[in-house]
N, C-alpha and C. Protein backbone atom coordinates (compact mmCIF):
# COMPACT_ATOMS: atom_id res chain seq x y z
N MET A 1 101.46 100.18 75.48
CA MET A 1 101.97 100.63 76.65
C MET A 1 103.42 101.31 76.48
N ASN A 2 103.52 102.57 77.06
CA ASN A 2 104.67 103.30 76.93
C ASN A 2 105.83 102.62 77.68
N ILE A 3 107.06 102.86 77.19
CA ILE A 3 108.10 102.14 77.76
C ILE A 3 108.53 102.60 79.20
N LEU A 4 108.24 103.86 79.50
CA LEU A 4 108.54 104.24 80.93
C LEU A 4 107.48 103.56 81.82
N TYR A 5 106.22 103.48 81.50
CA TYR A 5 105.31 102.79 82.37
C TYR A 5 105.61 101.20 82.45
N TRP A 6 105.93 100.76 81.49
CA TRP A 6 106.37 99.35 81.35
C TRP A 6 107.62 99.11 82.39
N LEU A 7 108.66 99.83 82.28
CA LEU A 7 109.71 99.84 83.22
C LEU A 7 109.34 99.95 84.77
N CYS A 8 108.47 100.92 84.94
CA CYS A 8 108.06 101.20 86.44
C CYS A 8 107.28 100.03 86.83
N VAL A 9 106.32 99.47 86.17
CA VAL A 9 105.51 98.38 86.65
C VAL A 9 106.36 96.93 86.66
N THR A 10 107.27 96.88 85.72
CA THR A 10 108.23 95.77 85.79
C THR A 10 108.92 95.69 87.09
N LEU A 11 109.52 96.99 87.51
CA LEU A 11 110.25 97.16 88.71
C LEU A 11 109.21 96.81 89.92
N ALA A 12 108.09 97.42 89.85
CA ALA A 12 107.14 97.28 90.93
C ALA A 12 106.90 95.73 91.17
N ARG A 13 106.66 95.04 89.98
CA ARG A 13 106.48 93.48 90.09
C ARG A 13 107.61 92.77 90.61
N LEU A 14 108.85 93.06 90.31
CA LEU A 14 110.05 92.56 91.03
C LEU A 14 110.13 92.82 92.49
N THR A 15 110.08 94.12 92.76
CA THR A 15 110.00 94.47 94.13
C THR A 15 108.87 93.83 95.03
N GLY A 16 107.73 93.69 94.37
CA GLY A 16 106.52 93.13 95.09
C GLY A 16 106.75 91.60 95.33
N LYS A 17 107.43 90.91 94.43
CA LYS A 17 107.87 89.56 94.56
C LYS A 17 108.86 89.26 95.57
N VAL A 18 109.94 89.98 95.42
CA VAL A 18 111.20 89.90 96.26
C VAL A 18 110.93 90.37 97.70
N MET A 19 110.39 91.47 97.93
CA MET A 19 110.35 92.24 99.07
C MET A 19 109.05 92.03 99.90
N PHE A 20 108.02 91.73 99.23
CA PHE A 20 106.76 91.67 99.82
C PHE A 20 105.93 90.44 99.62
N SER A 21 106.62 89.23 98.86
CA SER A 21 105.97 88.22 98.54
C SER A 21 104.68 88.25 98.02
N LEU A 22 104.50 89.30 97.10
CA LEU A 22 103.18 89.77 96.60
C LEU A 22 102.37 88.50 96.10
N LYS A 23 101.15 88.45 96.65
CA LYS A 23 100.14 87.46 96.25
C LYS A 23 99.05 88.04 95.72
N VAL A 24 98.39 87.51 94.48
CA VAL A 24 97.29 88.11 93.85
C VAL A 24 96.31 87.10 93.80
N GLU A 25 94.97 87.34 94.28
CA GLU A 25 93.92 86.60 94.22
C GLU A 25 92.79 87.19 93.50
N GLY A 26 91.82 86.40 92.96
CA GLY A 26 90.65 86.91 92.22
C GLY A 26 91.10 87.36 90.87
N ILE A 27 92.10 86.96 90.37
CA ILE A 27 92.73 87.58 89.04
C ILE A 27 91.66 87.51 87.90
N GLU A 28 90.69 86.29 88.08
CA GLU A 28 89.74 85.93 87.01
C GLU A 28 88.60 87.23 87.12
N ASN A 29 88.56 87.81 88.14
CA ASN A 29 87.53 89.11 88.12
C ASN A 29 88.19 90.31 87.61
N LEU A 30 89.38 90.37 87.26
CA LEU A 30 90.04 91.73 86.78
C LEU A 30 89.40 92.10 85.55
N VAL A 31 88.96 93.41 85.62
CA VAL A 31 88.46 94.05 84.37
C VAL A 31 89.79 94.39 83.54
N LYS A 32 89.83 93.75 82.44
CA LYS A 32 91.12 94.03 81.63
C LYS A 32 90.93 95.28 80.78
N ALA A 33 92.14 95.92 80.35
CA ALA A 33 92.11 96.97 79.62
C ALA A 33 91.51 96.77 78.28
N GLY A 34 90.56 97.79 77.93
CA GLY A 34 89.87 97.69 76.59
C GLY A 34 88.39 97.15 76.86
N GLU A 35 88.12 96.77 78.15
CA GLU A 35 86.81 96.30 78.37
C GLU A 35 85.75 97.36 78.84
N GLY A 36 86.30 98.60 78.95
CA GLY A 36 85.46 99.76 79.28
C GLY A 36 86.10 100.62 80.30
N GLY A 37 85.55 101.82 80.37
CA GLY A 37 86.05 102.70 81.56
C GLY A 37 85.75 102.06 82.95
N THR A 38 86.62 102.14 83.73
CA THR A 38 86.72 101.40 85.00
C THR A 38 87.25 102.14 86.22
N ILE A 39 86.54 102.17 87.34
CA ILE A 39 87.24 102.64 88.56
C ILE A 39 87.66 101.52 89.40
N ILE A 40 89.03 101.34 89.58
CA ILE A 40 89.57 100.43 90.34
C ILE A 40 89.44 101.02 91.82
N ALA A 41 88.51 100.50 92.70
CA ALA A 41 88.37 101.05 94.01
C ALA A 41 89.02 100.20 95.01
N ALA A 42 89.91 100.82 95.76
CA ALA A 42 90.72 100.08 96.78
C ALA A 42 90.83 100.61 98.08
N ASN A 43 90.98 99.84 99.17
CA ASN A 43 91.27 100.53 100.39
C ASN A 43 92.66 100.98 100.41
N HIS A 44 92.93 101.97 101.30
CA HIS A 44 94.31 102.65 101.22
C HIS A 44 95.05 102.45 102.42
N GLN A 45 96.16 101.52 102.44
CA GLN A 45 97.00 101.19 103.44
C GLN A 45 98.21 101.91 103.48
N SER A 46 98.88 102.24 102.33
CA SER A 46 100.31 102.62 102.28
C SER A 46 100.70 103.28 100.90
N PHE A 47 101.80 103.97 100.97
CA PHE A 47 102.48 104.43 99.78
C PHE A 47 102.57 103.23 98.77
N LEU A 48 102.66 102.05 99.20
CA LEU A 48 102.95 100.95 98.26
C LEU A 48 101.68 100.55 97.55
N ASP A 49 100.41 101.02 97.85
CA ASP A 49 99.30 100.50 97.12
C ASP A 49 99.24 100.78 95.64
N PRO A 50 99.61 102.08 95.21
CA PRO A 50 99.48 102.30 93.72
C PRO A 50 100.45 101.33 92.84
N PRO A 51 101.69 101.21 93.19
CA PRO A 51 102.60 100.48 92.35
C PRO A 51 102.31 99.15 92.44
N LEU A 52 101.82 98.55 93.60
CA LEU A 52 101.55 97.11 93.73
C LEU A 52 100.23 96.64 93.03
N VAL A 53 99.18 97.61 93.19
CA VAL A 53 98.02 97.35 92.34
C VAL A 53 98.32 97.48 90.82
N ALA A 54 99.15 98.39 90.50
CA ALA A 54 99.49 98.30 89.09
C ALA A 54 100.29 97.13 88.66
N ALA A 55 101.10 96.62 89.68
CA ALA A 55 101.87 95.34 89.29
C ALA A 55 100.89 94.13 89.14
N ALA A 56 99.67 94.17 89.97
CA ALA A 56 98.73 93.05 89.78
C ALA A 56 98.09 93.09 88.73
N CYS A 57 97.87 94.28 88.06
CA CYS A 57 96.97 94.38 86.87
C CYS A 57 97.63 94.14 85.56
N LYS A 58 96.86 93.71 84.59
CA LYS A 58 97.42 93.66 83.12
C LYS A 58 97.09 94.71 82.28
N GLY A 59 98.10 95.31 81.78
CA GLY A 59 97.78 96.56 80.80
C GLY A 59 97.90 97.77 81.81
N GLN A 60 97.76 98.88 81.24
CA GLN A 60 98.00 100.23 81.99
C GLN A 60 96.75 100.58 82.78
N ILE A 61 97.14 101.22 83.97
CA ILE A 61 96.07 101.90 84.73
C ILE A 61 96.46 103.31 84.93
N HIS A 62 95.50 104.29 85.38
CA HIS A 62 95.82 105.49 85.73
C HIS A 62 95.68 105.64 87.25
N PHE A 63 96.49 106.67 87.74
CA PHE A 63 96.75 107.03 89.15
C PHE A 63 96.16 108.29 89.44
N LEU A 64 96.06 108.69 90.76
CA LEU A 64 95.90 110.06 91.10
C LEU A 64 97.10 110.41 92.06
N ALA A 65 97.56 111.71 91.88
CA ALA A 65 98.56 112.26 92.59
C ALA A 65 98.40 113.80 92.89
N ARG A 66 99.05 114.19 94.02
CA ARG A 66 98.78 115.66 94.46
C ARG A 66 99.29 116.60 93.40
N ASP A 67 98.52 117.58 93.11
CA ASP A 67 98.96 118.55 91.98
C ASP A 67 100.26 119.18 92.26
N THR A 68 100.51 119.26 93.53
CA THR A 68 101.88 119.86 93.93
C THR A 68 103.19 119.15 93.39
N LEU A 69 102.85 117.72 93.04
CA LEU A 69 103.99 116.96 92.64
C LEU A 69 104.22 117.37 91.13
N PHE A 70 103.35 117.92 90.41
CA PHE A 70 103.54 117.99 88.94
C PHE A 70 104.39 119.24 88.57
N LYS A 71 105.73 119.19 89.14
CA LYS A 71 106.68 120.23 88.84
C LYS A 71 107.92 119.55 88.43
N GLY A 72 108.63 120.35 87.60
CA GLY A 72 110.00 119.89 87.21
C GLY A 72 110.02 118.39 86.41
N VAL A 73 111.17 117.73 86.70
CA VAL A 73 111.45 116.58 86.14
C VAL A 73 110.45 115.38 86.72
N PHE A 74 110.15 115.55 88.04
CA PHE A 74 109.51 114.51 88.62
C PHE A 74 108.03 114.54 88.20
N GLY A 75 107.61 115.77 87.96
CA GLY A 75 106.18 116.11 87.49
C GLY A 75 105.89 115.46 85.99
N LYS A 76 107.00 115.56 85.22
CA LYS A 76 107.05 115.03 83.95
C LYS A 76 107.08 113.49 83.90
N LEU A 77 107.70 112.88 84.98
CA LEU A 77 107.93 111.48 85.07
C LEU A 77 106.56 110.98 85.47
N ILE A 78 105.84 111.33 86.54
CA ILE A 78 104.63 110.85 86.95
C ILE A 78 103.50 111.16 86.08
N LYS A 79 103.58 112.23 85.14
CA LYS A 79 102.54 112.41 84.13
C LYS A 79 102.80 111.33 83.10
N ALA A 80 103.92 110.86 82.91
CA ALA A 80 104.33 109.98 81.88
C ALA A 80 103.87 108.57 82.19
N VAL A 81 103.63 108.42 83.54
CA VAL A 81 103.15 107.04 83.89
C VAL A 81 101.67 107.10 84.27
N ASN A 82 101.01 108.00 83.79
CA ASN A 82 99.48 108.01 83.80
C ASN A 82 98.96 108.65 85.14
N ALA A 83 99.71 109.54 85.71
CA ALA A 83 99.15 110.06 86.98
C ALA A 83 98.08 111.38 86.60
N ILE A 84 97.13 111.47 87.45
CA ILE A 84 96.17 112.50 87.29
C ILE A 84 96.25 113.44 88.46
N PRO A 85 96.39 114.77 88.29
CA PRO A 85 96.67 115.58 89.31
C PRO A 85 95.33 115.85 90.04
N ILE A 86 95.37 115.86 91.35
CA ILE A 86 94.23 116.18 92.14
C ILE A 86 94.77 117.29 93.29
N SER A 87 93.82 118.05 93.64
CA SER A 87 94.13 119.08 94.53
C SER A 87 94.63 118.70 95.83
N GLN A 88 95.60 119.27 96.46
CA GLN A 88 96.25 118.88 97.60
C GLN A 88 95.23 118.72 98.89
N SER A 89 94.26 119.51 98.74
CA SER A 89 93.14 119.42 99.89
C SER A 89 92.10 118.30 99.61
N GLY A 90 92.39 117.61 98.54
CA GLY A 90 91.35 116.55 98.25
C GLY A 90 90.84 116.72 96.77
N ALA A 91 90.00 115.82 96.25
CA ALA A 91 89.53 115.75 95.06
C ALA A 91 88.48 116.96 94.82
N ASP A 92 88.92 118.05 94.23
CA ASP A 92 87.90 119.08 93.88
C ASP A 92 87.07 118.79 92.65
N LEU A 93 86.13 119.74 92.20
CA LEU A 93 85.37 119.51 91.06
C LEU A 93 86.22 119.32 89.97
N ALA A 94 87.37 120.05 89.64
CA ALA A 94 88.24 119.95 88.56
C ALA A 94 88.75 118.49 88.49
N SER A 95 89.28 118.18 89.65
CA SER A 95 89.76 116.74 89.87
C SER A 95 88.93 115.68 89.40
N LEU A 96 87.72 115.78 89.93
CA LEU A 96 86.68 114.80 89.66
C LEU A 96 86.43 114.86 88.06
N LYS A 97 86.26 115.94 87.60
CA LYS A 97 85.93 116.00 86.07
C LYS A 97 87.10 115.28 85.26
N ALA A 98 88.30 115.44 85.72
CA ALA A 98 89.51 114.89 85.10
C ALA A 98 89.40 113.30 85.26
N ILE A 99 89.11 112.88 86.41
CA ILE A 99 88.90 111.45 86.55
C ILE A 99 87.94 110.85 85.65
N ILE A 100 86.62 111.50 85.79
CA ILE A 100 85.59 111.23 84.76
C ILE A 100 85.92 111.09 83.41
N GLY A 101 86.70 112.13 82.87
CA GLY A 101 87.15 112.21 81.58
C GLY A 101 88.02 111.08 81.18
N GLU A 102 88.95 110.55 82.06
CA GLU A 102 89.78 109.29 81.79
C GLU A 102 88.78 108.15 81.77
N VAL A 103 87.96 108.10 82.54
CA VAL A 103 86.98 106.86 82.51
C VAL A 103 86.23 106.79 81.29
N LYS A 104 85.68 107.85 80.79
CA LYS A 104 84.98 108.12 79.56
C LYS A 104 85.79 107.84 78.35
N LYS A 105 87.07 107.77 78.42
CA LYS A 105 88.02 107.43 77.34
C LYS A 105 88.07 106.00 77.34
N GLY A 106 87.64 105.29 78.39
CA GLY A 106 87.88 103.83 78.40
C GLY A 106 88.97 103.35 79.29
N ASN A 107 89.58 104.33 80.05
CA ASN A 107 90.71 103.85 80.78
C ASN A 107 90.26 103.39 82.30
N ARG A 108 91.29 102.63 82.91
CA ARG A 108 90.96 102.23 84.25
C ARG A 108 91.80 103.14 85.06
N VAL A 109 91.10 103.58 86.11
CA VAL A 109 91.66 104.63 87.16
C VAL A 109 91.55 104.05 88.43
N LEU A 110 92.63 104.02 89.23
CA LEU A 110 92.76 103.64 90.57
C LEU A 110 92.24 104.76 91.41
N VAL A 111 91.43 104.56 92.42
CA VAL A 111 90.81 105.57 93.23
C VAL A 111 90.77 104.85 94.63
N PHE A 112 91.15 105.73 95.60
CA PHE A 112 90.87 105.18 97.16
C PHE A 112 89.78 105.96 97.66
N PRO A 113 88.65 105.21 97.87
CA PRO A 113 87.30 105.81 98.30
C PRO A 113 87.58 106.56 99.63
N GLU A 114 88.58 105.97 100.50
CA GLU A 114 88.68 106.68 101.82
C GLU A 114 89.39 108.03 101.77
N GLY A 115 90.09 108.20 100.61
CA GLY A 115 90.76 109.47 100.45
C GLY A 115 92.08 109.63 100.98
N THR A 116 92.52 108.89 102.07
CA THR A 116 93.76 108.99 102.54
C THR A 116 94.10 107.66 103.22
N ARG A 117 95.43 107.52 103.49
CA ARG A 117 95.94 106.24 104.02
C ARG A 117 95.40 106.08 105.50
N THR A 118 95.17 104.79 105.81
CA THR A 118 94.71 104.38 107.06
C THR A 118 95.80 104.78 108.11
N GLN A 119 95.26 105.17 109.25
CA GLN A 119 96.15 105.49 110.42
C GLN A 119 96.54 104.16 111.28
N ASP A 120 95.60 102.95 111.17
CA ASP A 120 95.74 101.99 112.00
C ASP A 120 95.48 100.62 111.28
N GLY A 121 95.48 100.74 109.91
CA GLY A 121 95.40 99.40 109.19
C GLY A 121 93.90 99.06 108.85
N GLU A 122 93.00 99.65 109.57
CA GLU A 122 91.54 99.43 109.42
C GLU A 122 90.92 100.09 108.38
N ILE A 123 89.92 99.60 107.73
CA ILE A 123 89.22 100.14 106.72
C ILE A 123 88.25 101.37 107.22
N LYS A 124 88.29 102.44 106.62
CA LYS A 124 87.47 103.60 107.05
C LYS A 124 86.24 103.74 106.02
N SER A 125 85.32 104.66 106.39
CA SER A 125 84.22 105.05 105.50
C SER A 125 84.69 105.66 104.26
N ALA A 126 83.89 105.60 103.24
CA ALA A 126 84.16 106.35 101.99
C ALA A 126 83.72 107.66 101.90
N ALA A 127 84.44 108.60 101.23
CA ALA A 127 83.84 109.88 100.89
C ALA A 127 82.88 109.85 99.84
N ALA A 128 81.99 110.79 99.54
CA ALA A 128 81.02 110.69 98.63
C ALA A 128 81.50 110.95 97.08
N GLY A 129 82.68 111.44 97.02
CA GLY A 129 83.32 111.81 95.72
C GLY A 129 83.29 110.55 94.79
N ILE A 130 83.56 109.43 95.17
CA ILE A 130 83.65 108.28 94.23
C ILE A 130 82.28 108.02 93.75
N GLY A 131 81.33 108.27 94.74
CA GLY A 131 79.82 107.94 94.24
C GLY A 131 79.44 109.03 93.09
N MET A 132 80.00 110.19 93.07
CA MET A 132 79.73 111.23 92.18
C MET A 132 80.30 110.81 90.78
N ILE A 133 81.66 110.33 90.84
CA ILE A 133 82.53 109.92 89.73
C ILE A 133 81.63 108.69 89.14
N VAL A 134 81.10 107.63 89.84
CA VAL A 134 80.48 106.55 89.29
C VAL A 134 79.07 106.96 88.70
N ALA A 135 78.24 107.86 89.29
CA ALA A 135 77.15 108.31 88.79
C ALA A 135 77.16 109.15 87.51
N LYS A 136 78.21 109.90 87.47
CA LYS A 136 78.51 110.71 86.27
C LYS A 136 79.09 110.01 84.97
N SER A 137 79.94 108.93 85.30
CA SER A 137 80.66 108.25 84.36
C SER A 137 79.94 106.92 83.97
N LYS A 138 79.14 106.43 84.79
CA LYS A 138 78.52 105.02 84.65
C LYS A 138 79.62 103.93 84.47
N ALA A 139 80.64 104.21 85.21
CA ALA A 139 81.85 103.32 85.05
C ALA A 139 81.63 101.83 85.68
N ILE A 140 82.25 100.86 85.25
CA ILE A 140 82.41 99.74 85.79
C ILE A 140 83.14 99.82 87.06
N VAL A 141 82.96 99.34 88.27
CA VAL A 141 83.76 99.47 89.44
C VAL A 141 84.41 98.12 89.73
N GLN A 142 85.64 98.19 89.99
CA GLN A 142 86.48 96.93 90.30
C GLN A 142 86.96 97.04 91.85
N PRO A 143 86.06 96.34 92.73
CA PRO A 143 86.59 96.38 94.06
C PRO A 143 87.80 95.62 94.43
N VAL A 144 88.82 96.19 95.09
CA VAL A 144 89.99 95.60 95.48
C VAL A 144 90.38 95.63 96.90
N TYR A 145 90.80 94.58 97.52
CA TYR A 145 91.06 94.77 98.94
C TYR A 145 92.73 94.46 98.92
N ILE A 146 93.37 95.46 99.68
CA ILE A 146 94.81 95.34 99.85
C ILE A 146 95.08 94.95 101.36
N GLU A 147 95.93 93.75 101.44
CA GLU A 147 96.17 93.31 102.88
C GLU A 147 97.77 93.32 103.07
N GLY A 148 98.21 93.73 104.16
CA GLY A 148 99.61 93.54 104.57
C GLY A 148 100.40 94.83 104.15
N ALA A 149 99.91 95.85 103.21
CA ALA A 149 100.68 96.87 103.03
C ALA A 149 100.97 97.85 104.09
N PHE A 150 100.00 97.92 105.05
CA PHE A 150 100.11 98.68 106.24
C PHE A 150 101.35 98.34 107.04
N GLU A 151 101.36 96.90 107.14
CA GLU A 151 102.39 96.25 108.03
C GLU A 151 103.77 96.62 107.40
N ALA A 152 103.64 96.53 106.00
CA ALA A 152 105.00 96.77 105.22
C ALA A 152 105.47 98.15 105.29
N TRP A 153 104.52 99.17 105.29
CA TRP A 153 105.00 100.54 105.26
C TRP A 153 103.81 101.42 105.91
N PRO A 154 103.67 101.37 107.14
CA PRO A 154 102.64 102.25 107.82
C PRO A 154 103.04 103.73 107.57
N ARG A 155 102.03 104.50 107.69
CA ARG A 155 102.28 106.12 107.41
C ARG A 155 103.25 106.68 108.33
N ASN A 156 103.46 106.21 109.60
CA ASN A 156 104.38 106.82 110.65
C ASN A 156 105.91 106.39 110.24
N GLU A 157 106.07 105.51 109.31
CA GLU A 157 107.49 105.06 109.07
C GLU A 157 108.05 105.70 107.92
N LYS A 158 109.38 105.92 107.81
CA LYS A 158 110.10 106.51 106.77
C LYS A 158 110.33 105.57 105.59
N LYS A 159 110.46 104.34 105.83
CA LYS A 159 110.77 103.34 104.67
C LYS A 159 110.24 102.10 104.93
N PRO A 160 109.91 101.42 103.93
CA PRO A 160 109.30 100.07 103.98
C PRO A 160 110.08 98.86 104.56
N LYS A 161 109.50 97.86 104.96
CA LYS A 161 110.15 96.72 105.51
C LYS A 161 109.57 95.39 104.88
N ARG A 162 110.28 94.39 104.97
CA ARG A 162 109.95 93.09 104.27
C ARG A 162 108.60 92.58 105.07
N SER A 163 107.60 92.31 104.28
CA SER A 163 106.30 91.94 105.00
C SER A 163 105.47 91.57 103.81
N PRO A 164 104.80 90.26 103.88
CA PRO A 164 103.93 89.87 102.79
C PRO A 164 102.67 90.78 102.57
N VAL A 165 102.38 90.91 101.24
CA VAL A 165 101.20 91.78 100.81
C VAL A 165 100.36 90.94 99.87
N LYS A 166 99.13 90.99 100.07
CA LYS A 166 98.18 90.31 99.21
C LYS A 166 97.09 91.31 98.53
N ILE A 167 96.86 91.21 97.29
CA ILE A 167 95.81 92.07 96.67
C ILE A 167 94.72 91.12 96.11
N THR A 168 93.45 91.34 96.50
CA THR A 168 92.28 90.59 96.07
C THR A 168 91.31 91.41 95.31
N PHE A 169 90.99 90.96 94.00
CA PHE A 169 90.19 91.44 93.06
C PHE A 169 88.81 90.93 93.37
N GLY A 170 87.81 91.70 93.60
CA GLY A 170 86.43 91.23 93.54
C GLY A 170 85.80 91.30 92.36
N GLU A 171 84.44 90.79 92.36
CA GLU A 171 83.65 90.74 91.16
C GLU A 171 83.28 92.30 90.83
N ARG A 172 83.30 92.62 89.50
CA ARG A 172 82.94 93.89 89.12
C ARG A 172 81.52 94.36 89.57
N LEU A 173 81.38 95.66 89.75
CA LEU A 173 80.08 96.14 90.05
C LEU A 173 79.58 97.02 88.90
N ASP A 174 78.25 96.77 88.55
CA ASP A 174 77.80 97.49 87.42
C ASP A 174 76.68 98.56 87.88
N PHE A 175 77.02 99.70 87.65
CA PHE A 175 76.19 100.81 88.04
C PHE A 175 75.64 101.48 86.78
N SER A 176 75.60 100.89 85.67
CA SER A 176 75.17 101.38 84.41
C SER A 176 73.74 101.68 84.29
N ASP A 177 72.88 101.13 85.23
CA ASP A 177 71.38 101.27 85.16
C ASP A 177 70.85 102.26 86.30
N LEU A 178 72.03 103.08 86.83
CA LEU A 178 71.63 104.08 87.78
C LEU A 178 70.64 105.11 87.08
N GLY A 179 69.66 105.45 87.84
CA GLY A 179 68.86 106.59 87.23
C GLY A 179 69.58 107.91 87.54
N ARG A 180 68.67 109.07 87.69
CA ARG A 180 69.24 110.28 87.89
C ARG A 180 69.74 110.45 89.19
N VAL A 181 70.87 110.64 89.27
CA VAL A 181 71.55 110.84 90.73
C VAL A 181 72.16 112.14 90.65
N LYS A 182 71.71 113.11 91.87
CA LYS A 182 72.09 114.41 91.92
C LYS A 182 72.60 114.83 93.38
N SER A 183 71.95 114.21 94.30
CA SER A 183 72.24 114.62 95.74
C SER A 183 73.53 113.99 96.29
N LYS A 184 74.08 114.70 97.31
CA LYS A 184 75.27 114.18 98.00
C LYS A 184 74.90 112.85 98.73
N GLU A 185 73.64 112.83 99.21
CA GLU A 185 73.27 111.52 99.94
C GLU A 185 73.26 110.32 99.02
N GLN A 186 72.73 110.59 97.81
CA GLN A 186 72.80 109.49 96.81
C GLN A 186 74.29 109.04 96.39
N TYR A 187 75.15 110.04 96.32
CA TYR A 187 76.53 109.80 96.00
C TYR A 187 77.07 108.99 97.12
N GLN A 188 76.71 109.48 98.34
CA GLN A 188 77.31 108.63 99.42
C GLN A 188 76.84 107.26 99.56
N GLU A 189 75.56 106.99 99.16
CA GLU A 189 75.03 105.63 99.07
C GLU A 189 75.74 104.80 98.13
N ILE A 190 76.15 105.35 97.03
CA ILE A 190 76.98 104.62 96.01
C ILE A 190 78.37 104.28 96.72
N ALA A 191 78.88 105.31 97.25
CA ALA A 191 80.26 105.05 97.96
C ALA A 191 80.18 104.14 98.97
N ASP A 192 79.22 104.07 99.72
CA ASP A 192 79.12 103.15 100.95
C ASP A 192 78.93 101.74 100.34
N THR A 193 78.21 101.52 99.21
CA THR A 193 78.07 100.28 98.65
C THR A 193 79.38 99.74 98.06
N ILE A 194 80.15 100.57 97.47
CA ILE A 194 81.41 100.15 96.98
C ILE A 194 82.33 99.80 98.22
N MET A 195 82.31 100.53 99.18
CA MET A 195 83.27 100.23 100.33
C MET A 195 82.80 98.95 100.94
N ALA A 196 81.50 98.66 101.02
CA ALA A 196 81.05 97.43 101.57
C ALA A 196 81.52 96.17 100.87
N LYS A 197 81.61 96.49 99.58
CA LYS A 197 82.09 95.23 98.64
C LYS A 197 83.65 95.09 98.85
N ILE A 198 84.28 96.16 99.20
CA ILE A 198 85.72 96.18 99.38
C ILE A 198 86.04 95.36 100.71
N SER A 199 85.13 95.79 101.71
CA SER A 199 85.30 95.10 102.96
C SER A 199 85.04 93.61 103.09
N GLU A 200 84.13 93.27 102.06
CA GLU A 200 83.72 91.67 102.05
C GLU A 200 84.89 90.96 101.51
N LEU A 201 85.76 91.58 100.96
CA LEU A 201 86.96 90.79 100.22
C LEU A 201 87.86 90.57 101.38
N LYS A 202 87.77 91.16 102.56
CA LYS A 202 88.67 90.90 103.67
C LYS A 202 88.40 89.65 104.38
N ASP A 203 87.16 89.14 104.19
CA ASP A 203 86.75 87.90 104.91
C ASP A 203 87.17 86.72 104.06
């Protein structure tokens, strides 16, 4: 683990504990670093989601970040902490290939199937892109449900507030026996399956 990543995750863990009373459940289900390429699929509530999920994981994970952020010193910083650039308008083909490439290297990549932060705290439907990533990479999928991050920092607020956050890891999903998948409808079916598993963790 590089020193900068370790420092950032350590800060996230301290902040999570002190400011958000971060609680982690289902840790026994966590796909650990070195167990194979993994998509960590989570609902998207807040800017807090990536650092708090990283804080809950053991070992390094990779993130997605808008390509416009990869400029200057800040760009070098987020690249050093395993950020993967994606198009500002969404995950284009090049972005999807970059994610698949990281998964095939055996890395764990955090992906938000909804594509954007929730407006009201509720789970939304998944885009087909994650289905394509899983079909092409045959990755393990780690479903994750984030609760409380919307209340801590909703998208219409400029800064976070003290509020409890809980992260729940579900049982891994194995798509390694998928046959030939090529259509958008098939990608969407995979995406919907993943989103349904995330939703189940809410109950």
